[in-house]
Structure formats: C-alpha cells, structure tokens
Protein backbone atom coordinates (compact mmCIF):
# COMPACT_ATOMS: atom_id res chain seq x y z
CA MET A 1 -51.96 11.44 -34.50
CA GLN A 2 -50.77 11.74 -30.96
CA THR A 3 -49.82 8.93 -28.45
CA ILE A 4 -49.55 9.40 -24.95
CA LEU A 5 -47.95 6.69 -22.45
CA VAL A 6 -49.55 5.96 -19.22
CA ALA A 7 -46.67 4.34 -17.11
CA SER A 8 -45.19 3.11 -13.60
CA SER A 9 -44.01 0.50 -11.95
CA LYS A 10 -46.42 0.65 -8.62
CA GLY A 11 -49.36 -0.80 -8.72
CA GLY A 12 -52.42 0.82 -7.70
CA CYS A 13 -51.24 4.39 -8.50
CA GLY A 14 -53.90 5.18 -10.92
CA LYS A 15 -52.74 4.59 -14.60
CA THR A 16 -56.47 3.53 -15.54
CA THR A 17 -57.70 6.92 -13.49
CA LEU A 18 -55.39 8.80 -15.63
CA ALA A 19 -56.05 6.93 -18.89
CA THR A 20 -59.41 6.85 -18.71
CA ASN A 21 -60.42 10.53 -17.66
CA LEU A 22 -57.83 11.97 -19.99
CA ALA A 23 -59.70 9.82 -22.71
CA ALA A 24 -63.07 10.64 -21.97
CA ALA A 25 -61.59 14.75 -21.56
CA ARG A 26 -60.34 14.65 -25.07
CA ALA A 27 -63.56 12.25 -26.46
CA GLN A 28 -66.05 15.06 -25.00
CA LYS A 29 -64.01 17.86 -26.71
CA GLY A 30 -65.05 15.93 -30.24
CA ARG A 31 -61.75 13.98 -30.87
CA LYS A 32 -61.33 10.37 -31.94
CA VAL A 33 -60.06 8.61 -28.79
CA ALA A 34 -58.55 5.45 -28.49
CA ILE A 35 -56.74 3.37 -24.96
CA ILE A 36 -54.47 0.60 -25.66
CA ASP A 37 -54.50 -1.49 -22.46
CA ALA A 38 -51.83 -3.26 -22.28
CA ASP A 39 -52.49 -4.85 -18.38
CA ARG A 40 -53.43 -8.10 -18.37
CA GLN A 41 -56.34 -7.24 -15.64
CA HIS A 42 -58.12 -4.82 -19.11
CA SER A 43 -59.82 -2.25 -16.65
CA SER A 44 -59.69 0.29 -19.34
CA PHE A 45 -60.72 -2.41 -22.16
CA HIS A 46 -63.78 -3.00 -20.32
CA TRP A 47 -64.45 0.63 -19.30
CA CYS A 48 -64.44 1.57 -22.94
CA ALA A 49 -66.66 -0.68 -23.26
CA ARG A 50 -69.05 0.05 -20.74
CA ARG A 51 -68.98 3.33 -21.93
CA ALA A 52 -70.17 2.40 -25.55
CA GLU A 53 -73.74 1.17 -23.78
CA TYR A 54 -74.44 5.21 -23.06
CA ASP A 55 -75.75 7.05 -26.36
CA ASN A 56 -75.37 10.16 -24.31
CA LEU A 57 -71.44 10.15 -23.66
CA PRO A 58 -68.52 10.16 -26.62
CA GLY A 59 -67.34 6.91 -26.88
CA VAL A 60 -63.67 5.54 -26.83
CA LEU A 61 -62.09 3.02 -28.60
CA GLY A 62 -60.80 -0.08 -26.65
CA MET A 63 -57.89 -2.02 -27.85
CA ASP A 64 -54.93 -4.71 -26.54
CA GLY A 65 -52.05 -6.30 -28.08
CA SER A 66 -48.57 -6.09 -28.57
CA PRO A 67 -47.19 -2.10 -30.06
CA SER A 68 -47.10 -3.31 -33.44
CA HIS A 69 -50.43 -5.37 -33.45
CA ALA A 70 -52.26 -2.38 -31.27
CA PHE A 71 -51.82 0.05 -33.75
CA GLU A 72 -51.90 -1.94 -37.35
CA ARG A 73 -55.36 -2.12 -36.04
CA MET A 74 -55.95 1.24 -35.09
CA PRO A 75 -58.48 3.46 -37.27
CA GLU A 76 -56.88 5.89 -39.74
CA ASP A 77 -59.06 9.18 -38.28
CA THR A 78 -57.86 8.19 -34.76
CA GLU A 79 -56.47 11.54 -32.95
CA LEU A 80 -55.41 10.94 -29.59
CA VAL A 81 -54.15 7.09 -28.82
CA ILE A 82 -53.38 6.65 -24.95
CA ILE A 83 -51.25 3.58 -23.66
CA ASP A 84 -52.53 1.98 -19.98
CA THR A 85 -49.44 -0.24 -19.21
CA PRO A 86 -49.40 -2.68 -16.54
CA ALA A 87 -48.09 -2.61 -13.01
CA GLY A 88 -44.66 -3.61 -12.64
CA ILE A 89 -42.98 -2.93 -16.19
CA THR A 90 -39.62 -3.31 -16.77
CA GLU A 91 -37.22 -2.20 -19.04
CA HIS A 92 -37.38 -4.39 -21.77
CA GLN A 93 -41.51 -4.58 -21.82
CA ILE A 94 -41.75 -0.36 -21.53
CA THR A 95 -39.26 0.01 -24.16
CA PRO A 96 -41.33 -0.70 -27.53
CA TRP A 97 -44.03 0.95 -26.23
CA VAL A 98 -41.90 4.16 -25.61
CA GLU A 99 -40.85 3.97 -28.76
CA ARG A 100 -44.60 4.42 -29.63
CA ALA A 101 -45.08 7.17 -27.47
CA ASP A 102 -45.07 11.21 -27.85
CA MET A 103 -44.66 11.83 -23.74
CA VAL A 104 -44.85 10.04 -21.03
CA LEU A 105 -47.46 10.47 -17.78
CA VAL A 106 -46.03 8.81 -14.48
CA PRO A 107 -48.91 9.06 -11.64
CA ALA A 108 -47.20 8.95 -7.97
CA LEU A 109 -48.60 8.45 -4.87
CA PRO A 110 -48.02 10.27 -1.56
CA SER A 111 -46.81 8.23 0.61
CA GLN A 112 -42.66 7.21 1.49
CA ILE A 113 -43.19 3.56 -0.05
CA ASP A 114 -44.76 5.18 -3.26
CA LEU A 115 -42.26 7.88 -3.56
CA ASP A 116 -39.49 5.35 -3.88
CA ALA A 117 -41.22 3.54 -6.23
CA THR A 118 -41.16 6.59 -8.19
CA ALA A 119 -38.13 7.21 -7.91
CA GLU A 120 -37.08 4.03 -9.14
CA PHE A 121 -39.03 4.25 -12.50
CA LEU A 122 -38.52 7.34 -13.17
CA ASP A 123 -34.31 6.37 -12.96
CA MET A 124 -35.23 3.47 -15.11
CA LEU A 125 -36.99 6.03 -18.15
CA GLY A 126 -34.55 8.54 -17.51
CA GLY A 127 -31.75 5.94 -19.31
CA LEU A 128 -33.89 5.07 -22.66
CA SER A 129 -33.18 6.11 -25.35
CA PRO A 130 -35.65 9.06 -26.58
CA ILE A 131 -35.97 10.49 -22.95
CA LYS A 132 -31.97 10.13 -22.10
CA ARG A 133 -31.50 12.43 -25.70
CA GLY A 134 -34.42 14.63 -24.81
CA LYS A 135 -36.58 13.71 -27.45
CA MET A 136 -39.65 12.92 -25.54
CA PRO A 137 -41.65 14.56 -22.35
CA VAL A 138 -41.97 13.00 -18.88
CA GLY A 139 -44.88 14.47 -16.83
CA ILE A 140 -45.40 13.33 -13.15
CA VAL A 141 -49.51 13.87 -12.17
CA GLY A 142 -49.88 13.23 -8.59
CA ASN A 143 -53.18 11.45 -7.67
CA ARG A 144 -55.08 10.55 -4.47
CA LEU A 145 -53.97 13.92 -3.02
CA LYS A 146 -55.23 15.81 -0.22
CA PRO A 147 -54.31 18.76 -0.17
CA TRP A 148 -54.72 20.13 3.21
CA THR A 149 -52.86 17.43 5.08
CA HIS A 150 -49.07 18.49 5.73
CA ALA A 151 -48.16 14.60 4.29
CA SER A 152 -49.59 15.53 0.74
CA GLN A 153 -47.72 19.10 0.48
CA ASP A 154 -44.17 17.57 1.70
CA SER A 155 -44.87 14.21 -1.29
CA VAL A 156 -45.33 17.55 -4.00
CA GLU A 157 -42.34 19.06 -2.41
CA LEU A 158 -40.65 15.83 -2.90
CA TRP A 159 -41.57 15.22 -6.24
CA LYS A 160 -40.24 18.55 -7.67
CA GLU A 161 -36.90 17.62 -7.11
CA MET A 162 -37.64 14.30 -9.30
CA PRO A 163 -35.48 14.91 -12.60
CA PHE A 164 -39.02 15.39 -14.58
CA PRO A 165 -41.47 17.75 -13.41
CA VAL A 166 -44.58 17.45 -11.31
CA VAL A 167 -47.50 18.51 -14.05
CA GLY A 168 -50.37 17.81 -12.32
CA ALA A 169 -52.21 17.13 -9.00
CA LEU A 170 -55.26 15.15 -8.50
CA ARG A 171 -57.15 15.71 -4.93
CA ASP A 172 -58.33 12.34 -3.42
CA SER A 173 -61.86 11.60 -4.67
CA GLN A 174 -64.51 8.40 -4.70
CA ALA A 175 -66.00 10.25 -7.69
CA TYR A 176 -63.31 8.66 -9.89
CA VAL A 177 -63.75 5.28 -8.96
CA LEU A 178 -67.37 5.09 -8.78
CA LEU A 179 -67.17 7.09 -12.57
CA THR A 180 -64.74 4.62 -13.81
CA GLY A 181 -66.29 1.31 -12.74
CA MET A 182 -69.92 3.31 -14.67
CA GLY A 183 -67.65 3.70 -17.36
CA LYS A 184 -67.75 7.30 -17.08
CA SER A 185 -65.44 10.36 -15.85
CA ILE A 186 -65.70 13.33 -14.08
CA PHE A 187 -65.72 15.18 -17.96
CA ASP A 188 -68.93 13.61 -18.39
CA TYR A 189 -70.66 15.55 -16.38
CA GLY A 190 -71.44 20.09 -15.01
CA SER A 191 -71.98 20.09 -11.35
CA GLU A 192 -70.17 22.54 -9.34
CA LEU A 193 -68.38 19.59 -7.13
CA VAL A 194 -67.31 17.49 -10.67
CA ARG A 195 -66.34 21.39 -11.33
CA ARG A 196 -63.40 21.58 -9.08
CA HIS A 197 -61.97 18.44 -9.86
CA GLN A 198 -62.01 18.98 -13.57
CA ASP A 199 -60.32 22.17 -12.27
CA ASP A 200 -57.04 20.06 -11.02
CA TRP A 201 -56.46 18.67 -14.93
CA ARG A 202 -56.14 22.28 -15.87
CA LYS A 203 -52.26 21.97 -15.77
CA PRO A 204 -51.86 18.85 -17.05
CA LEU A 205 -53.93 19.15 -19.95
CA ARG A 206 -52.11 22.56 -20.67
CA TRP A 207 -48.53 20.56 -20.42
CA ILE A 208 -49.71 18.36 -22.87
CA ALA A 209 -51.22 20.30 -25.26
CA ARG A 210 -47.32 22.46 -25.14
CA ASN A 211 -45.94 19.10 -26.21
CA LYS A 212 -47.78 18.12 -29.31
C-alpha cells in the first residue's frame, strides 16, 4: 500500500484538487484508492460521497479521523492512500501523518505571498526526521499556473531554488473547480480540452511511480 501525504501550511492552494484528481487518476486505472480527509471542512470526504452516486465512475473510499484511527479501519485491499491535510498545519500536527506516509506532495500557488509561505513550510518539513535523513521524497506541484504570463514563469524559476524538486505544474482552469464540486475529475473525461489538462499530470504521476 502506497501512502501519499498532500500538505501545505497555506489555505486555498489546491490540496483537495491535487488529492481528488490524483485519486481519480489511479481509480480509473483499476486501483483501490482511499482518501483520508484530515481537514475540518471535509471537502475530499464529500467529494468521495458525491462520486459514489455515479454508477459509471470507479469509486474512491472517503475516510476521516486521526492517523491511527483511519489506518485501523483501512480495508486490506487498499492499494493507494492519499492524505488531505488541513491548512495551517503545524509541525506537531503533521508529524504523525508523515510517519505514515511514503512521500509528500506540496501544492503551491504563483504569488509572492504563497511563495513565502511555501518556503517556510518546506523549511519545517525539511527538519522532520524521515525527510531530513533523506528517507522520504518531497515534491512541489505548482498549481493554477498561467504559463503564458511572466508571473507564472518567474514562480516556476523561484520554486526551482527551493530545497525540494518541482515535480509538476498544473494550469489554471475552472474545470477543476466545477468537476470537484460534482464528485468528478479531469480523468473521468476524454475530450481534447480535458486531455490537455491530463497532460499536466504526466510528470507528477511519473515522479510518484518512481518513488514507490
């Protein structure tokens, strides 16, 4: 069972977007996937519940609770667990989740405020024992990028100076907002427009596969 922790200290940076679309991508490949929603808003948990209403979509199990409680209830045939953490998470709060994870994905937005918050969060992560010892990979996923703008291009260059690699860049699109609200994902469609968004996920999915 592979466990991916999606975390950031900044609210609204795309943790749920990353968690739900990643879950759907793997579920569409026939894998048994669960999301542990540790956020008080339970956005991922509600997404899983809405998704279960569609007979034509592979389901994703939604769970909540503490690390020990959630994993005790985890079905034995689960192949992938994605942990969606709350905004403002502290070192004390994230440590139990890190101890359960195989890797960490950190979504980041292209603004100076978000860059500063991401840098501080990555410094905190880098001090945690399994990450400090190089036992756990950490990857940055740029979110809501407008590749044709200088602001987004500059942000990508600044992310490259951070202590962990940039493993993906997702373009800005209302499709994520609309589909997440429906319990769906960009991986549940095959139109040409949606396939362009799916292409953005090739790099992070390859990075995840290499770090099994």
